[in-house]
Amino acid sequence: MDYAKTLHDIAVELVHNKDRLEVREMPSLDEDTLTLVVYADHEDIARLIGRHGIMANSIRRLMSVPSRMNNKHLDIKFESYGEE
């Protein structure tokens, strides 16, 4: 399963600047752990994280379903481009 594409498909519906959204899979020391980093403009990252992290936690929970089916631990991080 392409977790990065799935996460991108979810996040692209929530951001304003869709062209600046990028999801990268980062290398991990543990083969059962997968780290995905979402990059977007500061305003869009704020939207993806939400108040008190509610939106980010919802995205993580949604993405955990397929990862658990494949016995993978999924770590999702959010990073913004540039300055506030």
N, C-alpha and C. Protein backbone atom coordinates (compact mmCIF):
# COMPACT_ATOMS: atom_id res chain seq x y z
N MET A 1 0.84 -1.18 0.00
CA MET A 1 0.00 0.00 0.00
C MET A 1 0.88 1.25 0.00
N ASP A 2 0.49 2.24 -0.74
CA ASP A 2 1.22 3.51 -0.80
C ASP A 2 0.63 4.47 0.23
N TYR A 3 1.21 4.46 1.43
CA TYR A 3 0.71 5.28 2.53
C TYR A 3 0.87 6.77 2.24
N ALA A 4 1.96 7.15 1.59
CA ALA A 4 2.19 8.57 1.28
C ALA A 4 1.11 9.10 0.34
N LYS A 5 0.75 8.33 -0.66
CA LYS A 5 -0.30 8.76 -1.59
C LYS A 5 -1.65 8.84 -0.89
N THR A 6 -1.94 7.87 -0.04
CA THR A 6 -3.20 7.89 0.70
C THR A 6 -3.29 9.12 1.60
N LEU A 7 -2.20 9.41 2.31
CA LEU A 7 -2.18 10.59 3.17
C LEU A 7 -2.29 11.87 2.35
N HIS A 8 -1.62 11.92 1.21
CA HIS A 8 -1.72 13.08 0.32
C HIS A 8 -3.16 13.28 -0.15
N ASP A 9 -3.83 12.20 -0.53
CA ASP A 9 -5.21 12.28 -0.99
C ASP A 9 -6.14 12.82 0.10
N ILE A 10 -5.87 12.49 1.35
CA ILE A 10 -6.68 13.01 2.46
C ILE A 10 -6.36 14.49 2.69
N ALA A 11 -5.07 14.82 2.77
CA ALA A 11 -4.65 16.19 3.11
C ALA A 11 -4.98 17.20 2.02
N VAL A 12 -4.93 16.79 0.77
CA VAL A 12 -5.15 17.74 -0.33
C VAL A 12 -6.56 18.33 -0.28
N GLU A 13 -7.49 17.62 0.29
CA GLU A 13 -8.87 18.12 0.41
C GLU A 13 -9.01 19.15 1.52
N LEU A 14 -8.02 19.26 2.39
CA LEU A 14 -8.12 20.14 3.56
C LEU A 14 -7.30 21.42 3.44
N VAL A 15 -6.44 21.52 2.44
CA VAL A 15 -5.56 22.69 2.32
C VAL A 15 -6.04 23.61 1.20
N HIS A 16 -5.62 24.89 1.29
CA HIS A 16 -5.96 25.86 0.24
C HIS A 16 -4.96 25.83 -0.90
N ASN A 17 -3.67 25.79 -0.59
CA ASN A 17 -2.63 25.81 -1.61
C ASN A 17 -2.20 24.37 -1.92
N LYS A 18 -2.98 23.72 -2.75
CA LYS A 18 -2.78 22.30 -3.06
C LYS A 18 -1.44 22.02 -3.76
N ASP A 19 -0.94 23.01 -4.52
CA ASP A 19 0.32 22.83 -5.25
C ASP A 19 1.53 22.76 -4.32
N ARG A 20 1.41 23.31 -3.13
CA ARG A 20 2.54 23.34 -2.19
C ARG A 20 2.48 22.20 -1.18
N LEU A 21 1.51 21.32 -1.31
CA LEU A 21 1.39 20.17 -0.41
C LEU A 21 2.29 19.05 -0.90
N GLU A 22 3.05 18.49 0.03
CA GLU A 22 3.94 17.38 -0.30
C GLU A 22 3.97 16.40 0.87
N VAL A 23 3.93 15.12 0.58
CA VAL A 23 4.05 14.09 1.60
C VAL A 23 5.26 13.23 1.24
N ARG A 24 6.19 13.12 2.18
CA ARG A 24 7.41 12.34 1.94
C ARG A 24 7.50 11.20 2.93
N GLU A 25 7.94 10.07 2.43
CA GLU A 25 8.23 8.92 3.29
C GLU A 25 9.70 9.00 3.68
N MET A 26 9.96 8.98 4.98
CA MET A 26 11.32 9.10 5.49
C MET A 26 11.85 7.73 5.89
N PRO A 27 13.15 7.51 5.76
CA PRO A 27 13.73 6.22 6.16
C PRO A 27 13.63 6.01 7.67
N SER A 28 13.54 4.75 8.05
CA SER A 28 13.43 4.40 9.46
C SER A 28 14.39 3.26 9.77
N LEU A 29 14.87 3.21 11.00
CA LEU A 29 15.76 2.13 11.41
C LEU A 29 15.02 0.82 11.57
N ASP A 30 13.75 0.91 11.90
CA ASP A 30 12.92 -0.27 12.13
C ASP A 30 12.06 -0.51 10.89
N GLU A 31 12.11 -1.70 10.33
CA GLU A 31 11.34 -1.97 9.11
C GLU A 31 9.84 -2.00 9.34
N ASP A 32 9.41 -2.10 10.60
CA ASP A 32 7.98 -2.10 10.90
C ASP A 32 7.45 -0.70 11.20
N THR A 33 8.30 0.30 11.15
CA THR A 33 7.90 1.68 11.40
C THR A 33 8.01 2.48 10.12
N LEU A 34 6.99 3.25 9.84
CA LEU A 34 6.96 4.09 8.65
C LEU A 34 6.73 5.53 9.09
N THR A 35 7.62 6.44 8.69
CA THR A 35 7.49 7.85 9.04
C THR A 35 7.11 8.64 7.80
N LEU A 36 6.01 9.37 7.90
CA LEU A 36 5.56 10.23 6.82
C LEU A 36 5.61 11.67 7.31
N VAL A 37 6.12 12.57 6.48
CA VAL A 37 6.18 13.99 6.82
C VAL A 37 5.34 14.75 5.80
N VAL A 38 4.41 15.55 6.31
CA VAL A 38 3.55 16.38 5.47
C VAL A 38 4.14 17.79 5.46
N TYR A 39 4.45 18.29 4.27
CA TYR A 39 4.97 19.65 4.10
C TYR A 39 3.92 20.49 3.39
N ALA A 40 3.68 21.69 3.90
CA ALA A 40 2.74 22.63 3.28
C ALA A 40 3.02 24.02 3.81
N ASP A 41 2.32 25.02 3.26
CA ASP A 41 2.44 26.39 3.77
C ASP A 41 2.01 26.44 5.22
N HIS A 42 2.50 27.46 5.93
CA HIS A 42 2.22 27.60 7.36
C HIS A 42 0.71 27.59 7.66
N GLU A 43 -0.06 28.33 6.89
CA GLU A 43 -1.51 28.40 7.12
C GLU A 43 -2.17 27.04 6.92
N ASP A 44 -1.70 26.31 5.92
CA ASP A 44 -2.28 24.99 5.65
C ASP A 44 -1.87 23.97 6.71
N ILE A 45 -0.64 24.07 7.21
CA ILE A 45 -0.22 23.17 8.29
C ILE A 45 -1.06 23.43 9.53
N ALA A 46 -1.31 24.72 9.82
CA ALA A 46 -2.17 25.05 10.96
C ALA A 46 -3.55 24.45 10.78
N ARG A 47 -4.06 24.46 9.57
CA ARG A 47 -5.37 23.88 9.28
C ARG A 47 -5.33 22.35 9.44
N LEU A 48 -4.24 21.72 9.00
CA LEU A 48 -4.12 20.27 9.11
C LEU A 48 -3.95 19.81 10.56
N ILE A 49 -3.31 20.64 11.38
CA ILE A 49 -3.13 20.27 12.78
C ILE A 49 -4.40 20.56 13.57
N GLY A 50 -5.03 21.71 13.31
CA GLY A 50 -6.28 22.05 13.98
C GLY A 50 -6.06 22.52 15.41
N ARG A 51 -7.14 22.95 16.03
CA ARG A 51 -7.07 23.40 17.42
C ARG A 51 -6.78 22.22 18.33
N HIS A 52 -5.80 22.41 19.17
CA HIS A 52 -5.39 21.39 20.14
C HIS A 52 -4.99 20.08 19.47
N GLY A 53 -4.65 20.12 18.17
CA GLY A 53 -4.21 18.93 17.46
C GLY A 53 -5.31 17.96 17.09
N ILE A 54 -6.55 18.42 17.16
CA ILE A 54 -7.68 17.51 16.91
C ILE A 54 -7.67 16.98 15.48
N MET A 55 -7.42 17.85 14.50
CA MET A 55 -7.43 17.40 13.11
C MET A 55 -6.26 16.45 12.85
N ALA A 56 -5.08 16.78 13.36
CA ALA A 56 -3.91 15.91 13.17
C ALA A 56 -4.15 14.53 13.79
N ASN A 57 -4.73 14.50 14.97
CA ASN A 57 -5.02 13.22 15.61
C ASN A 57 -6.05 12.43 14.82
N SER A 58 -7.03 13.11 14.24
CA SER A 58 -8.02 12.42 13.41
C SER A 58 -7.38 11.83 12.16
N ILE A 59 -6.48 12.58 11.54
CA ILE A 59 -5.77 12.07 10.36
C ILE A 59 -4.93 10.86 10.74
N ARG A 60 -4.23 10.95 11.87
CA ARG A 60 -3.41 9.82 12.33
C ARG A 60 -4.27 8.60 12.61
N ARG A 61 -5.41 8.80 13.23
CA ARG A 61 -6.30 7.68 13.55
C ARG A 61 -6.83 7.04 12.27
N LEU A 62 -7.19 7.86 11.30
CA LEU A 62 -7.69 7.34 10.02
C LEU A 62 -6.61 6.55 9.29
N MET A 63 -5.38 7.06 9.30
CA MET A 63 -4.28 6.38 8.62
C MET A 63 -3.81 5.14 9.38
N SER A 64 -4.13 5.03 10.65
CA SER A 64 -3.69 3.87 11.43
C SER A 64 -4.43 2.59 11.03
N VAL A 65 -5.61 2.73 10.44
CA VAL A 65 -6.39 1.54 10.07
C VAL A 65 -5.63 0.67 9.06
N PRO A 66 -5.23 1.21 7.90
CA PRO A 66 -4.50 0.35 6.96
C PRO A 66 -3.12 -0.08 7.48
N SER A 67 -2.48 0.78 8.28
CA SER A 67 -1.15 0.41 8.78
C SER A 67 -1.24 -0.75 9.76
N ARG A 68 -2.26 -0.77 10.57
CA ARG A 68 -2.43 -1.90 11.51
C ARG A 68 -2.74 -3.19 10.77
N MET A 69 -3.46 -3.08 9.68
CA MET A 69 -3.78 -4.28 8.89
C MET A 69 -2.51 -4.88 8.31
N ASN A 70 -1.48 -4.06 8.10
CA ASN A 70 -0.20 -4.52 7.54
C ASN A 70 0.89 -4.61 8.60
N ASN A 71 0.51 -4.59 9.87
CA ASN A 71 1.45 -4.70 10.99
C ASN A 71 2.57 -3.66 10.91
N LYS A 72 2.21 -2.43 10.62
CA LYS A 72 3.17 -1.33 10.55
C LYS A 72 2.81 -0.30 11.61
N HIS A 73 3.86 0.35 12.16
CA HIS A 73 3.64 1.49 13.04
C HIS A 73 3.83 2.74 12.18
N LEU A 74 2.85 3.61 12.18
CA LEU A 74 2.87 4.79 11.33
C LEU A 74 3.09 6.03 12.18
N ASP A 75 4.09 6.83 11.82
CA ASP A 75 4.40 8.08 12.50
C ASP A 75 4.22 9.20 11.49
N ILE A 76 3.28 10.13 11.77
CA ILE A 76 2.99 11.23 10.85
C ILE A 76 3.40 12.54 11.51
N LYS A 77 4.20 13.33 10.78
CA LYS A 77 4.66 14.62 11.27
C LYS A 77 4.23 15.70 10.29
N PHE A 78 4.05 16.91 10.80
CA PHE A 78 3.62 18.05 9.99
C PHE A 78 4.67 19.15 10.06
N GLU A 79 5.13 19.63 8.90
CA GLU A 79 6.16 20.67 8.82
C GLU A 79 5.70 21.74 7.84
N SER A 80 6.00 23.00 8.17
CA SER A 80 5.61 24.08 7.26
C SER A 80 6.81 24.58 6.47
N TYR A 81 6.51 25.11 5.29
CA TYR A 81 7.52 25.76 4.46
C TYR A 81 7.68 27.19 4.96
N GLY A 82 8.88 27.65 5.09
CA GLY A 82 9.15 29.06 5.33
C GLY A 82 8.72 29.59 6.68
N GLU A 83 8.50 30.88 6.69
CA GLU A 83 8.20 31.62 7.92
C GLU A 83 6.70 31.66 8.19
N GLU A 84 6.39 32.08 9.43
CA GLU A 84 4.99 32.28 9.81
C GLU A 84 4.53 33.48 9.09
